[in-house]
Amino acid sequence: MKTADVRAMSQDQMNDTLADLKKEQFNLRFQKATGQMEKTARVKQIRRDIARIKTIAAEKSAGQKA
């Protein structure tokens, strides 16, 4: 997910995407624990996407308050 894509999202879309990513992260943790994980790089990618969405959401909310 690119930064420009996240910036184009509304707050509701970011919240929905964030919830989906957290569910996927949860599922990946179980796959890792049971030894069924195929794409190990996906964990890092999901973690960074979550951080990217949270950062941009914080920027947008700080911009609205100022």
N, C-alpha and C. Protein backbone atom coordinates (compact mmCIF):
# COMPACT_ATOMS: atom_id res chain seq x y z
N MET A 1 0.84 -1.16 0.00
CA MET A 1 0.00 0.00 0.00
C MET A 1 0.90 1.24 0.00
N LYS A 2 0.60 2.15 -0.90
CA LYS A 2 1.42 3.34 -1.03
C LYS A 2 0.86 4.48 -0.19
N THR A 3 1.71 5.40 0.17
CA THR A 3 1.32 6.53 0.99
C THR A 3 0.26 7.38 0.30
N ALA A 4 0.39 7.57 -0.99
CA ALA A 4 -0.58 8.38 -1.74
C ALA A 4 -1.97 7.74 -1.68
N ASP A 5 -2.03 6.42 -1.71
CA ASP A 5 -3.31 5.72 -1.62
C ASP A 5 -3.96 5.97 -0.26
N VAL A 6 -3.16 5.94 0.79
CA VAL A 6 -3.68 6.13 2.14
C VAL A 6 -4.15 7.57 2.32
N ARG A 7 -3.37 8.52 1.79
CA ARG A 7 -3.76 9.93 1.92
C ARG A 7 -5.06 10.23 1.20
N ALA A 8 -5.37 9.49 0.15
CA ALA A 8 -6.60 9.70 -0.61
C ALA A 8 -7.83 9.13 0.11
N MET A 9 -7.61 8.29 1.11
CA MET A 9 -8.72 7.67 1.82
C MET A 9 -9.38 8.63 2.81
N SER A 10 -10.66 8.38 3.06
CA SER A 10 -11.34 9.13 4.12
C SER A 10 -11.01 8.47 5.45
N GLN A 11 -11.41 9.12 6.53
CA GLN A 11 -11.13 8.58 7.87
C GLN A 11 -11.82 7.22 8.06
N ASP A 12 -13.05 7.09 7.56
CA ASP A 12 -13.77 5.82 7.69
C ASP A 12 -13.08 4.71 6.90
N GLN A 13 -12.62 5.04 5.71
CA GLN A 13 -11.91 4.04 4.90
C GLN A 13 -10.63 3.61 5.58
N MET A 14 -9.92 4.57 6.19
CA MET A 14 -8.68 4.21 6.89
C MET A 14 -8.98 3.30 8.07
N ASN A 15 -10.05 3.58 8.80
CA ASN A 15 -10.41 2.74 9.94
C ASN A 15 -10.77 1.33 9.49
N ASP A 16 -11.50 1.21 8.38
CA ASP A 16 -11.87 -0.11 7.86
C ASP A 16 -10.64 -0.88 7.40
N THR A 17 -9.75 -0.20 6.69
CA THR A 17 -8.53 -0.83 6.20
C THR A 17 -7.65 -1.26 7.37
N LEU A 18 -7.58 -0.41 8.38
CA LEU A 18 -6.79 -0.73 9.57
C LEU A 18 -7.33 -1.97 10.27
N ALA A 19 -8.65 -2.07 10.38
CA ALA A 19 -9.26 -3.24 11.01
C ALA A 19 -8.95 -4.51 10.20
N ASP A 20 -9.03 -4.41 8.88
CA ASP A 20 -8.72 -5.56 8.02
C ASP A 20 -7.26 -6.00 8.18
N LEU A 21 -6.36 -5.02 8.23
CA LEU A 21 -4.94 -5.33 8.37
C LEU A 21 -4.65 -5.97 9.73
N LYS A 22 -5.31 -5.50 10.77
CA LYS A 22 -5.10 -6.09 12.09
C LYS A 22 -5.61 -7.53 12.14
N LYS A 23 -6.73 -7.81 11.46
CA LYS A 23 -7.23 -9.19 11.38
C LYS A 23 -6.24 -10.08 10.64
N GLU A 24 -5.70 -9.54 9.53
CA GLU A 24 -4.73 -10.32 8.78
C GLU A 24 -3.46 -10.56 9.60
N GLN A 25 -3.03 -9.57 10.35
CA GLN A 25 -1.86 -9.72 11.21
C GLN A 25 -2.11 -10.80 12.26
N PHE A 26 -3.30 -10.80 12.82
CA PHE A 26 -3.67 -11.81 13.81
C PHE A 26 -3.61 -13.21 13.19
N ASN A 27 -4.15 -13.36 11.99
CA ASN A 27 -4.13 -14.65 11.31
C ASN A 27 -2.71 -15.09 10.97
N LEU A 28 -1.88 -14.15 10.59
CA LEU A 28 -0.49 -14.49 10.27
C LEU A 28 0.27 -14.97 11.51
N ARG A 29 -0.04 -14.39 12.66
CA ARG A 29 0.60 -14.86 13.89
C ARG A 29 0.25 -16.31 14.17
N PHE A 30 -1.02 -16.68 13.94
CA PHE A 30 -1.42 -18.07 14.15
C PHE A 30 -0.76 -18.99 13.13
N GLN A 31 -0.66 -18.54 11.89
CA GLN A 31 0.01 -19.35 10.87
C GLN A 31 1.47 -19.58 11.24
N LYS A 32 2.11 -18.55 11.77
CA LYS A 32 3.51 -18.70 12.17
C LYS A 32 3.64 -19.69 13.32
N ALA A 33 2.72 -19.60 14.28
CA ALA A 33 2.79 -20.48 15.45
C ALA A 33 2.56 -21.94 15.07
N THR A 34 1.72 -22.18 14.07
CA THR A 34 1.42 -23.55 13.68
C THR A 34 2.32 -24.05 12.56
N GLY A 35 3.21 -23.18 12.08
CA GLY A 35 4.15 -23.60 11.04
C GLY A 35 3.55 -23.65 9.65
N GLN A 36 2.45 -22.96 9.42
CA GLN A 36 1.78 -22.99 8.12
C GLN A 36 2.07 -21.76 7.27
N MET A 37 2.90 -20.85 7.76
CA MET A 37 3.15 -19.60 7.05
C MET A 37 3.98 -19.84 5.82
N GLU A 38 3.52 -19.28 4.69
CA GLU A 38 4.25 -19.42 3.43
C GLU A 38 5.02 -18.15 3.09
N LYS A 39 4.37 -17.00 3.24
CA LYS A 39 5.01 -15.73 2.89
C LYS A 39 5.39 -14.99 4.16
N THR A 40 6.62 -15.19 4.59
CA THR A 40 7.06 -14.59 5.84
C THR A 40 7.24 -13.08 5.72
N ALA A 41 7.50 -12.58 4.54
CA ALA A 41 7.69 -11.15 4.34
C ALA A 41 6.38 -10.38 4.52
N ARG A 42 5.27 -11.07 4.43
CA ARG A 42 3.96 -10.42 4.57
C ARG A 42 3.79 -9.83 5.97
N VAL A 43 4.39 -10.42 6.98
CA VAL A 43 4.29 -9.93 8.35
C VAL A 43 4.87 -8.51 8.43
N LYS A 44 6.04 -8.33 7.86
CA LYS A 44 6.69 -7.02 7.87
C LYS A 44 5.88 -6.01 7.07
N GLN A 45 5.35 -6.44 5.95
CA GLN A 45 4.57 -5.55 5.09
C GLN A 45 3.29 -5.08 5.80
N ILE A 46 2.61 -5.99 6.48
CA ILE A 46 1.39 -5.66 7.21
C ILE A 46 1.71 -4.69 8.33
N ARG A 47 2.77 -4.96 9.07
CA ARG A 47 3.16 -4.10 10.18
C ARG A 47 3.44 -2.67 9.70
N ARG A 48 4.11 -2.54 8.59
CA ARG A 48 4.42 -1.21 8.05
C ARG A 48 3.18 -0.51 7.52
N ASP A 49 2.27 -1.26 6.91
CA ASP A 49 1.02 -0.66 6.43
C ASP A 49 0.18 -0.14 7.59
N ILE A 50 0.14 -0.88 8.68
CA ILE A 50 -0.59 -0.43 9.87
C ILE A 50 0.02 0.87 10.39
N ALA A 51 1.33 0.91 10.49
CA ALA A 51 2.01 2.11 10.97
C ALA A 51 1.77 3.28 10.03
N ARG A 52 1.78 3.03 8.73
CA ARG A 52 1.56 4.08 7.75
C ARG A 52 0.16 4.68 7.90
N ILE A 53 -0.84 3.83 8.06
CA ILE A 53 -2.21 4.32 8.20
C ILE A 53 -2.37 5.10 9.50
N LYS A 54 -1.82 4.59 10.58
CA LYS A 54 -1.92 5.29 11.87
C LYS A 54 -1.23 6.65 11.81
N THR A 55 -0.08 6.73 11.16
CA THR A 55 0.66 7.99 11.06
C THR A 55 -0.12 9.02 10.26
N ILE A 56 -0.65 8.62 9.13
CA ILE A 56 -1.38 9.56 8.29
C ILE A 56 -2.69 9.97 8.96
N ALA A 57 -3.34 9.06 9.66
CA ALA A 57 -4.56 9.41 10.37
C ALA A 57 -4.27 10.43 11.46
N ALA A 58 -3.15 10.29 12.15
CA ALA A 58 -2.76 11.24 13.19
C ALA A 58 -2.44 12.60 12.57
N GLU A 59 -1.79 12.60 11.42
CA GLU A 59 -1.49 13.85 10.74
C GLU A 59 -2.77 14.58 10.34
N LYS A 60 -3.72 13.83 9.80
CA LYS A 60 -4.98 14.44 9.39
C LYS A 60 -5.76 14.99 10.57
N SER A 61 -5.79 14.25 11.66
CA SER A 61 -6.54 14.73 12.82
C SER A 61 -5.84 15.94 13.45
N ALA A 62 -4.52 15.98 13.44
CA ALA A 62 -3.79 17.12 13.99
C ALA A 62 -4.00 18.35 13.08
N GLY A 63 -4.13 18.13 11.80
CA GLY A 63 -4.36 19.23 10.86
C GLY A 63 -5.75 19.83 11.00
N GLN A 64 -6.71 19.01 11.38
CA GLN A 64 -8.08 19.51 11.56
C GLN A 64 -8.21 20.31 12.85
N LYS A 65 -7.43 19.95 13.88
CA LYS A 65 -7.52 20.63 15.17
C LYS A 65 -6.85 22.00 15.12
N ALA A 66 -5.81 22.12 14.30
CA ALA A 66 -5.04 23.37 14.26
C ALA A 66 -5.74 24.44 13.47
